[in-house]
N, C-alpha and C. Protein backbone atom coordinates (compact mmCIF):
# COMPACT_ATOMS: atom_id res chain seq x y z
N MET A 1 13.48 -60.20 30.60
CA MET A 1 13.26 -59.10 30.60
C MET A 1 11.92 -58.87 30.96
N LYS A 2 11.35 -57.82 31.81
CA LYS A 2 10.21 -58.00 32.74
C LYS A 2 9.33 -56.99 31.63
N THR A 3 8.03 -57.07 31.47
CA THR A 3 7.09 -56.35 30.68
C THR A 3 7.28 -54.74 30.84
N THR A 4 7.53 -54.46 31.96
CA THR A 4 7.53 -53.06 32.26
C THR A 4 8.89 -52.41 31.65
N GLU A 5 9.92 -53.31 31.65
CA GLU A 5 11.43 -52.63 30.96
C GLU A 5 10.95 -52.87 29.65
N ILE A 6 10.25 -53.88 28.98
CA ILE A 6 9.93 -53.64 27.60
C ILE A 6 9.06 -52.41 27.27
N ILE A 7 8.05 -52.21 28.01
CA ILE A 7 7.16 -51.03 27.66
C ILE A 7 7.94 -49.90 27.76
N GLN A 8 9.03 -49.48 28.79
CA GLN A 8 9.66 -48.39 28.87
C GLN A 8 10.59 -48.31 27.64
N ILE A 9 11.31 -49.36 26.98
CA ILE A 9 12.28 -49.16 26.08
C ILE A 9 11.31 -48.88 25.02
N VAL A 10 10.18 -49.53 24.76
CA VAL A 10 9.28 -48.95 23.68
C VAL A 10 8.88 -47.54 23.66
N VAL A 11 8.47 -46.97 24.66
CA VAL A 11 7.97 -45.63 24.66
C VAL A 11 9.43 -44.75 24.69
N ILE A 12 10.41 -45.10 25.16
CA ILE A 12 11.91 -44.21 24.98
C ILE A 12 12.04 -44.30 23.45
N SER A 13 11.98 -45.32 22.99
CA SER A 13 12.28 -45.58 21.29
C SER A 13 11.43 -44.38 20.57
N SER A 14 9.98 -44.53 20.91
CA SER A 14 9.00 -43.78 20.24
C SER A 14 9.16 -42.22 20.20
N VAL A 15 9.71 -42.06 21.60
CA VAL A 15 10.07 -40.50 21.66
C VAL A 15 11.14 -40.14 20.89
N LEU A 16 12.34 -40.82 21.11
CA LEU A 16 13.45 -40.61 20.17
C LEU A 16 13.26 -40.73 18.88
N LEU A 17 12.41 -41.75 18.22
CA LEU A 17 12.15 -41.59 16.76
C LEU A 17 11.44 -40.26 16.18
N GLY A 18 10.44 -40.31 17.45
CA GLY A 18 9.52 -38.86 16.87
C GLY A 18 10.21 -37.50 16.76
N GLY A 19 11.40 -37.59 17.80
CA GLY A 19 11.90 -36.21 17.69
C GLY A 19 13.11 -36.16 16.77
N ILE A 20 13.58 -37.30 15.99
CA ILE A 20 14.21 -37.46 15.09
C ILE A 20 13.58 -37.06 13.74
N ALA A 21 12.44 -37.57 13.81
CA ALA A 21 11.34 -37.00 12.57
C ALA A 21 11.10 -35.65 12.49
N VAL A 22 10.77 -35.19 13.65
CA VAL A 22 10.70 -33.61 13.81
C VAL A 22 11.94 -32.76 13.22
N ALA A 23 13.14 -33.28 14.03
CA ALA A 23 14.16 -32.66 13.56
C ALA A 23 14.71 -32.71 12.07
N VAL A 24 14.52 -33.73 11.61
CA VAL A 24 14.74 -34.00 10.10
C VAL A 24 13.74 -33.22 9.16
N GLY A 25 12.51 -32.88 9.84
CA GLY A 25 11.60 -32.34 8.98
C GLY A 25 11.91 -30.63 8.82
N LYS A 26 12.33 -30.36 10.06
CA LYS A 26 12.94 -28.93 10.30
C LYS A 26 14.08 -28.68 9.36
N PHE A 27 15.05 -29.54 9.58
CA PHE A 27 16.07 -29.46 8.61
C PHE A 27 16.21 -29.38 7.28
N THR A 28 15.18 -30.32 6.77
CA THR A 28 15.06 -30.21 5.19
C THR A 28 13.99 -29.19 4.89
N GLY A 29 13.30 -28.56 5.43
CA GLY A 29 12.07 -27.63 5.28
C GLY A 29 10.93 -28.49 4.97
N SER A 30 10.71 -29.92 5.28
CA SER A 30 9.83 -30.68 4.96
C SER A 30 8.23 -30.04 5.84
N SER A 31 7.19 -30.11 5.12
CA SER A 31 5.93 -29.47 5.85
C SER A 31 4.92 -30.45 5.12
N SER A 32 4.12 -30.68 6.14
CA SER A 32 2.93 -31.63 5.89
C SER A 32 1.83 -31.02 5.08
N SER A 33 0.98 -31.73 4.55
CA SER A 33 -0.14 -31.04 3.88
C SER A 33 -1.20 -30.49 5.02
N ALA A 34 -0.99 -30.86 6.09
CA ALA A 34 -1.71 -30.49 7.01
C ALA A 34 -1.59 -29.06 7.72
N ALA A 35 -0.23 -28.73 7.11
CA ALA A 35 0.01 -27.14 7.84
C ALA A 35 -0.93 -25.97 7.43
N THR A 36 -1.80 -26.49 6.21
CA THR A 36 -2.74 -25.27 6.00
C THR A 36 -3.74 -25.01 6.98
N ALA A 37 -4.12 -26.37 7.51
CA ALA A 37 -5.42 -26.48 8.66
C ALA A 37 -4.71 -25.44 10.05
N ASP A 38 -3.20 -25.57 10.15
CA ASP A 38 -2.86 -24.89 11.23
C ASP A 38 -2.68 -23.32 11.13
N ILE A 39 -2.82 -22.82 10.00
CA ILE A 39 -2.79 -21.44 9.71
C ILE A 39 -4.30 -20.68 9.97
N LYS A 40 -4.03 -19.78 10.94
CA LYS A 40 -5.36 -19.13 11.50
C LYS A 40 -5.32 -17.77 10.55
N VAL A 41 -6.85 -17.81 9.88
CA VAL A 41 -6.91 -16.73 8.87
C VAL A 41 -7.74 -15.82 9.31
N PRO A 42 -7.04 -14.44 9.74
CA PRO A 42 -8.15 -13.48 10.27
C PRO A 42 -9.01 -12.98 9.30
N GLU A 43 -10.00 -12.06 10.05
CA GLU A 43 -10.76 -11.21 9.20
C GLU A 43 -9.90 -10.22 8.48
N LEU A 44 -9.91 -9.91 7.23
CA LEU A 44 -8.89 -9.39 6.43
C LEU A 44 -9.19 -7.88 6.44
N SER A 45 -8.15 -6.88 6.24
CA SER A 45 -8.67 -5.52 5.86
C SER A 45 -8.90 -5.51 4.38
N ARG A 46 -9.69 -4.41 4.12
CA ARG A 46 -9.68 -4.29 2.56
C ARG A 46 -8.53 -4.59 1.75
N LEU A 47 -7.42 -4.20 2.05
CA LEU A 47 -6.22 -4.13 0.91
C LEU A 47 -5.71 -5.30 0.98
N ALA A 48 -5.76 -6.23 2.28
CA ALA A 48 -5.42 -7.82 2.53
C ALA A 48 -6.21 -8.48 1.73
N GLY A 49 -7.45 -8.18 1.71
CA GLY A 49 -8.61 -8.88 0.95
C GLY A 49 -8.08 -8.89 -0.35
N LYS A 50 -7.57 -7.89 -0.88
CA LYS A 50 -7.49 -7.63 -2.70
C LYS A 50 -5.95 -8.49 -2.54
N GLY A 51 -5.02 -8.37 -1.60
CA GLY A 51 -3.80 -8.90 -1.57
C GLY A 51 -4.13 -10.72 -1.56
N LYS A 52 -5.06 -11.26 -1.10
CA LYS A 52 -5.32 -12.52 -1.22
C LYS A 52 -5.71 -13.02 -2.46
N VAL A 53 -6.67 -12.12 -3.08
CA VAL A 53 -7.04 -12.38 -4.37
C VAL A 53 -5.80 -12.72 -5.33
N ALA A 54 -4.87 -11.52 -5.22
CA ALA A 54 -3.79 -11.54 -5.98
C ALA A 54 -2.67 -12.95 -5.66
N TYR A 55 -2.60 -12.95 -4.19
CA TYR A 55 -1.79 -14.02 -3.57
C TYR A 55 -2.15 -15.48 -4.64
N ASP A 56 -3.86 -15.61 -4.15
CA ASP A 56 -4.21 -16.93 -4.81
C ASP A 56 -4.02 -17.18 -6.32
N THR A 57 -3.92 -15.98 -7.02
CA THR A 57 -3.47 -16.15 -8.58
C THR A 57 -2.18 -16.38 -8.74
N SER A 58 -1.25 -15.83 -8.09
CA SER A 58 0.14 -15.52 -8.49
C SER A 58 1.07 -16.59 -7.48
N CYS A 59 0.76 -16.73 -6.34
CA CYS A 59 1.53 -16.96 -5.38
C CYS A 59 1.29 -18.80 -4.68
N SER A 60 0.05 -18.76 -4.74
CA SER A 60 -0.32 -19.94 -3.91
C SER A 60 0.14 -21.27 -4.59
N SER A 61 0.39 -21.28 -5.87
CA SER A 61 0.78 -22.86 -6.50
C SER A 61 2.05 -23.07 -5.89
N CYS A 62 2.95 -21.94 -5.48
CA CYS A 62 4.30 -22.53 -4.75
C CYS A 62 4.32 -22.56 -3.13
N HIS A 63 3.73 -21.34 -2.86
CA HIS A 63 3.58 -20.70 -1.52
C HIS A 63 2.62 -21.50 -0.62
N GLY A 64 1.55 -22.01 -1.49
CA GLY A 64 0.60 -22.80 -0.76
C GLY A 64 -0.52 -21.96 -0.18
N GLU A 65 -1.59 -22.55 -0.08
CA GLU A 65 -2.83 -21.93 0.47
C GLU A 65 -2.65 -21.18 1.82
N ASN A 66 -2.95 -19.85 1.85
CA ASN A 66 -2.92 -19.05 3.00
C ASN A 66 -1.50 -18.94 3.74
N GLY A 67 -0.50 -19.16 2.40
CA GLY A 67 1.02 -18.94 2.87
C GLY A 67 1.58 -20.17 3.64
N ALA A 68 0.86 -21.32 3.32
CA ALA A 68 1.15 -22.52 4.48
C ALA A 68 2.55 -23.20 3.74
N GLY A 69 2.70 -22.89 2.45
CA GLY A 69 3.83 -23.85 2.05
C GLY A 69 3.31 -24.89 1.04
N SER A 70 4.15 -25.37 0.62
CA SER A 70 3.69 -26.46 -0.55
C SER A 70 4.91 -27.41 -0.77
N LYS A 71 4.83 -28.31 -1.62
CA LYS A 71 6.01 -29.32 -1.97
C LYS A 71 6.79 -28.39 -3.10
N ALA A 72 6.36 -27.44 -3.58
CA ALA A 72 6.93 -26.52 -4.52
C ALA A 72 7.87 -25.32 -3.94
N GLY A 73 7.26 -24.70 -3.09
CA GLY A 73 7.85 -23.45 -2.19
C GLY A 73 7.45 -23.38 -0.86
N PRO A 74 8.25 -22.62 -0.16
CA PRO A 74 8.10 -22.36 1.59
C PRO A 74 7.14 -21.54 1.86
N PRO A 75 6.68 -21.86 3.03
CA PRO A 75 5.80 -21.24 3.98
C PRO A 75 5.92 -19.72 3.88
N LEU A 76 5.17 -18.76 3.78
CA LEU A 76 5.41 -17.47 3.99
C LEU A 76 4.79 -17.21 5.42
N VAL A 77 3.88 -17.97 6.21
CA VAL A 77 3.40 -17.69 7.37
C VAL A 77 4.40 -18.38 8.16
N HIS A 78 5.72 -18.13 8.24
CA HIS A 78 7.01 -18.59 9.18
C HIS A 78 7.86 -17.52 9.57
N ASP A 79 8.35 -17.93 10.61
CA ASP A 79 9.24 -16.99 11.36
C ASP A 79 10.29 -16.48 10.38
N THR A 80 10.84 -17.29 9.42
CA THR A 80 11.83 -16.75 8.50
C THR A 80 11.30 -15.56 7.99
N TYR A 81 10.41 -15.26 7.73
CA TYR A 81 9.55 -14.18 6.95
C TYR A 81 8.91 -12.94 7.70
N ASN A 82 9.46 -12.97 9.16
CA ASN A 82 8.96 -12.00 9.94
C ASN A 82 9.67 -10.67 9.31
N PRO A 83 8.91 -9.62 9.54
CA PRO A 83 9.08 -8.37 9.33
C PRO A 83 10.71 -7.74 9.36
N GLY A 84 11.29 -8.45 10.70
CA GLY A 84 12.58 -7.76 10.98
C GLY A 84 13.98 -8.77 10.08
N HIS A 85 13.36 -9.90 9.87
CA HIS A 85 14.58 -10.75 8.54
C HIS A 85 14.30 -10.38 7.28
N HIS A 86 12.72 -10.47 6.52
CA HIS A 86 12.51 -10.00 5.44
C HIS A 86 11.55 -8.93 5.49
N ALA A 87 12.12 -7.75 5.27
CA ALA A 87 11.33 -6.68 5.18
C ALA A 87 10.44 -6.34 4.03
N ASP A 88 9.51 -5.62 3.96
CA ASP A 88 8.53 -5.85 2.96
C ASP A 88 9.23 -5.38 1.64
N GLU A 89 10.49 -4.59 1.63
CA GLU A 89 11.13 -4.38 0.22
C GLU A 89 11.43 -5.89 -0.14
N ALA A 90 11.87 -6.77 0.33
CA ALA A 90 12.07 -8.19 0.16
C ALA A 90 11.20 -8.80 -0.85
N PHE A 91 9.86 -8.38 -0.47
CA PHE A 91 9.12 -9.13 -1.21
C PHE A 91 8.61 -8.28 -2.59
N PHE A 92 8.95 -6.87 -2.49
CA PHE A 92 8.97 -6.43 -3.75
C PHE A 92 10.03 -6.97 -4.92
N ARG A 93 11.33 -6.81 -4.11
CA ARG A 93 12.58 -7.37 -4.96
C ARG A 93 12.46 -8.94 -5.45
N ALA A 94 11.55 -9.72 -4.53
CA ALA A 94 11.33 -10.90 -4.98
C ALA A 94 10.70 -11.09 -6.22
N ALA A 95 9.45 -10.35 -6.26
CA ALA A 95 8.67 -10.42 -7.53
C ALA A 95 9.08 -9.82 -8.59
N LYS A 96 10.01 -8.88 -8.27
CA LYS A 96 10.57 -8.21 -9.64
C LYS A 96 11.93 -8.95 -10.14
N ASN A 97 12.89 -9.22 -9.25
CA ASN A 97 13.97 -9.99 -9.66
C ASN A 97 14.05 -11.68 -9.41
N GLY A 98 13.09 -12.04 -8.58
CA GLY A 98 13.31 -13.45 -8.23
C GLY A 98 14.24 -13.54 -7.13
N VAL A 99 14.44 -14.74 -6.68
CA VAL A 99 15.19 -15.01 -5.61
C VAL A 99 16.17 -16.26 -5.62
N LYS A 100 17.42 -16.04 -5.21
CA LYS A 100 18.36 -17.21 -5.24
C LYS A 100 18.07 -18.13 -4.05
N GLN A 101 17.86 -19.52 -4.25
CA GLN A 101 17.82 -20.42 -3.17
C GLN A 101 18.58 -20.10 -2.05
N HIS A 102 18.10 -19.92 -0.70
CA HIS A 102 18.97 -19.48 0.46
C HIS A 102 18.56 -20.23 1.78
N HIS A 103 17.13 -20.03 2.02
CA HIS A 103 16.49 -20.60 3.30
C HIS A 103 15.98 -22.02 3.15
N TRP A 104 15.53 -22.32 1.99
CA TRP A 104 14.94 -23.66 1.99
C TRP A 104 15.47 -24.51 0.55
N PRO A 105 15.14 -25.73 0.61
CA PRO A 105 15.75 -26.79 -0.60
C PRO A 105 14.69 -26.74 -1.67
N PHE A 106 14.13 -25.49 -2.15
CA PHE A 106 13.02 -25.40 -3.17
C PHE A 106 13.49 -24.92 -4.44
N GLY A 107 14.73 -24.53 -4.51
CA GLY A 107 15.29 -23.99 -5.93
C GLY A 107 15.02 -22.41 -5.67
N ASP A 108 15.55 -21.85 -6.94
CA ASP A 108 15.31 -20.46 -7.07
C ASP A 108 13.85 -20.11 -7.39
N MET A 109 13.26 -18.97 -7.02
CA MET A 109 12.15 -18.37 -7.15
C MET A 109 12.38 -17.59 -8.35
N PRO A 110 11.76 -17.73 -9.56
CA PRO A 110 11.71 -17.04 -10.72
C PRO A 110 11.11 -15.56 -10.57
N PRO A 111 11.60 -14.51 -11.23
CA PRO A 111 10.71 -13.20 -11.26
C PRO A 111 9.40 -13.40 -11.64
N ARG A 112 8.51 -12.38 -11.28
CA ARG A 112 6.97 -12.58 -11.37
C ARG A 112 6.88 -11.34 -12.03
N PRO A 113 7.30 -11.03 -13.20
CA PRO A 113 6.80 -9.58 -13.83
C PRO A 113 5.65 -9.41 -13.95
N GLU A 114 4.43 -10.49 -13.98
CA GLU A 114 3.24 -9.89 -14.25
C GLU A 114 2.41 -9.66 -13.09
N VAL A 115 2.91 -9.59 -12.03
CA VAL A 115 2.71 -9.20 -10.63
C VAL A 115 2.66 -7.55 -10.60
N SER A 116 1.82 -6.72 -10.56
CA SER A 116 1.88 -5.37 -10.57
C SER A 116 2.46 -4.83 -8.93
N GLN A 117 3.21 -3.73 -9.01
CA GLN A 117 3.67 -3.29 -7.46
C GLN A 117 2.64 -3.19 -6.73
N LYS A 118 1.53 -2.58 -7.36
CA LYS A 118 0.01 -2.68 -6.24
C LYS A 118 -0.35 -3.67 -6.08
N GLU A 119 -0.16 -4.72 -6.76
CA GLU A 119 -0.67 -6.53 -6.22
C GLU A 119 0.47 -6.59 -5.23
N VAL A 120 1.63 -6.46 -5.58
CA VAL A 120 2.56 -6.86 -4.44
C VAL A 120 2.45 -6.47 -3.27
N ALA A 121 1.94 -5.02 -3.26
CA ALA A 121 1.72 -4.27 -1.99
C ALA A 121 0.73 -4.92 -1.11
N ASN A 122 -0.21 -5.30 -1.84
CA ASN A 122 -1.70 -5.89 -1.38
C ASN A 122 -1.25 -7.47 -0.99
N ILE A 123 -0.41 -8.06 -1.81
CA ILE A 123 -0.01 -9.46 -1.20
C ILE A 123 0.75 -9.31 -0.05
N ILE A 124 1.46 -8.14 0.34
CA ILE A 124 2.53 -7.97 1.42
C ILE A 124 1.28 -7.93 2.51
N ASP A 125 0.48 -6.86 2.72
CA ASP A 125 -0.53 -6.90 3.48
C ASP A 125 -1.33 -8.08 3.94
N TYR A 126 -1.73 -8.86 3.06
CA TYR A 126 -2.28 -10.29 3.36
C TYR A 126 -1.48 -11.07 4.00
N VAL A 127 0.00 -11.18 3.65
CA VAL A 127 0.86 -12.10 4.18
C VAL A 127 1.14 -11.54 5.66
N ARG A 128 1.20 -10.19 5.94
CA ARG A 128 1.56 -9.59 7.08
C ARG A 128 0.40 -9.90 8.14
N GLU A 129 -0.86 -9.71 7.71
CA GLU A 129 -2.04 -10.04 8.17
C GLU A 129 -2.13 -11.46 8.95
N LEU A 130 -1.76 -12.48 8.11
CA LEU A 130 -1.73 -13.76 8.27
C LEU A 130 -0.58 -14.10 9.26
N GLN A 131 0.60 -13.31 8.99
CA GLN A 131 1.51 -13.49 10.01
C GLN A 131 1.38 -13.14 11.41
N GLU A 132 0.74 -11.98 11.46
CA GLU A 132 0.38 -11.57 12.80
C GLU A 132 -0.75 -12.53 13.43
N ALA A 133 -1.76 -12.80 12.89
CA ALA A 133 -2.47 -13.77 13.39
C ALA A 133 -1.95 -15.09 13.78
N ASN A 134 -1.12 -15.41 13.25
CA ASN A 134 -0.41 -16.37 13.89
C ASN A 134 1.02 -16.20 14.67
N GLY A 135 1.25 -15.23 15.24
CA GLY A 135 2.06 -15.02 16.02
C GLY A 135 3.14 -14.58 15.53
N ILE A 136 3.38 -14.22 14.13
CA ILE A 136 4.75 -13.73 13.65
C ILE A 136 4.76 -12.73 13.69
N VAL A 137 5.55 -11.60 14.58
CA VAL A 137 5.89 -10.57 14.36
C VAL A 137 7.37 -9.93 14.51
N TYR A 138 7.29 -8.75 14.11
CA TYR A 138 9.02 -8.21 14.05
C TYR A 138 9.71 -8.68 14.90
N ARG A 139 10.77 -9.25 14.70
CA ARG A 139 12.07 -9.57 15.71
C ARG A 139 13.12 -9.18 14.61
N ALA A 140 14.04 -8.41 15.37
CA ALA A 140 15.07 -7.93 14.75
C ALA A 140 16.19 -8.98 14.17
N HIS A 141 16.72 -9.30 13.25
CA HIS A 141 17.42 -10.01 12.42
C HIS A 141 18.91 -10.13 13.15
N ARG A 142 19.45 -11.11 13.51
CA ARG A 142 20.65 -11.25 13.88
C ARG A 142 21.47 -12.64 13.32
N MET A 143 22.79 -12.05 12.51
CA MET A 143 23.74 -12.98 12.00
C MET A 143 24.48 -13.90 12.87
């Protein structure tokens, strides 16, 4: 085998393995700790600033810094949570009732009764401003 053929095989193998790793990560919902660095944080409105404080206290331990996700919970700055798929009401219901696992392999989300309706509204403002800054906008949900 010629050196150029070996190099071609190595390059093709690397590309294939890299693609498989990306596909497995997307399928399993894996995210790297570097995801936080990829989140653009805009200048926040007053209400979203209040939402950040509430989010950091009540949500970040699972959903990660700036909604980037963690090993304990999914990212909220993700197209799955665009307003056309998960309207604001979904966030209110999640805090009040919890959520059965359905999009991600993290298990059920427990209810968060200690978070007031006003705090949830501010958290929604925060998450929506993060989403918009990161190109996540309303898209109609299709089954």
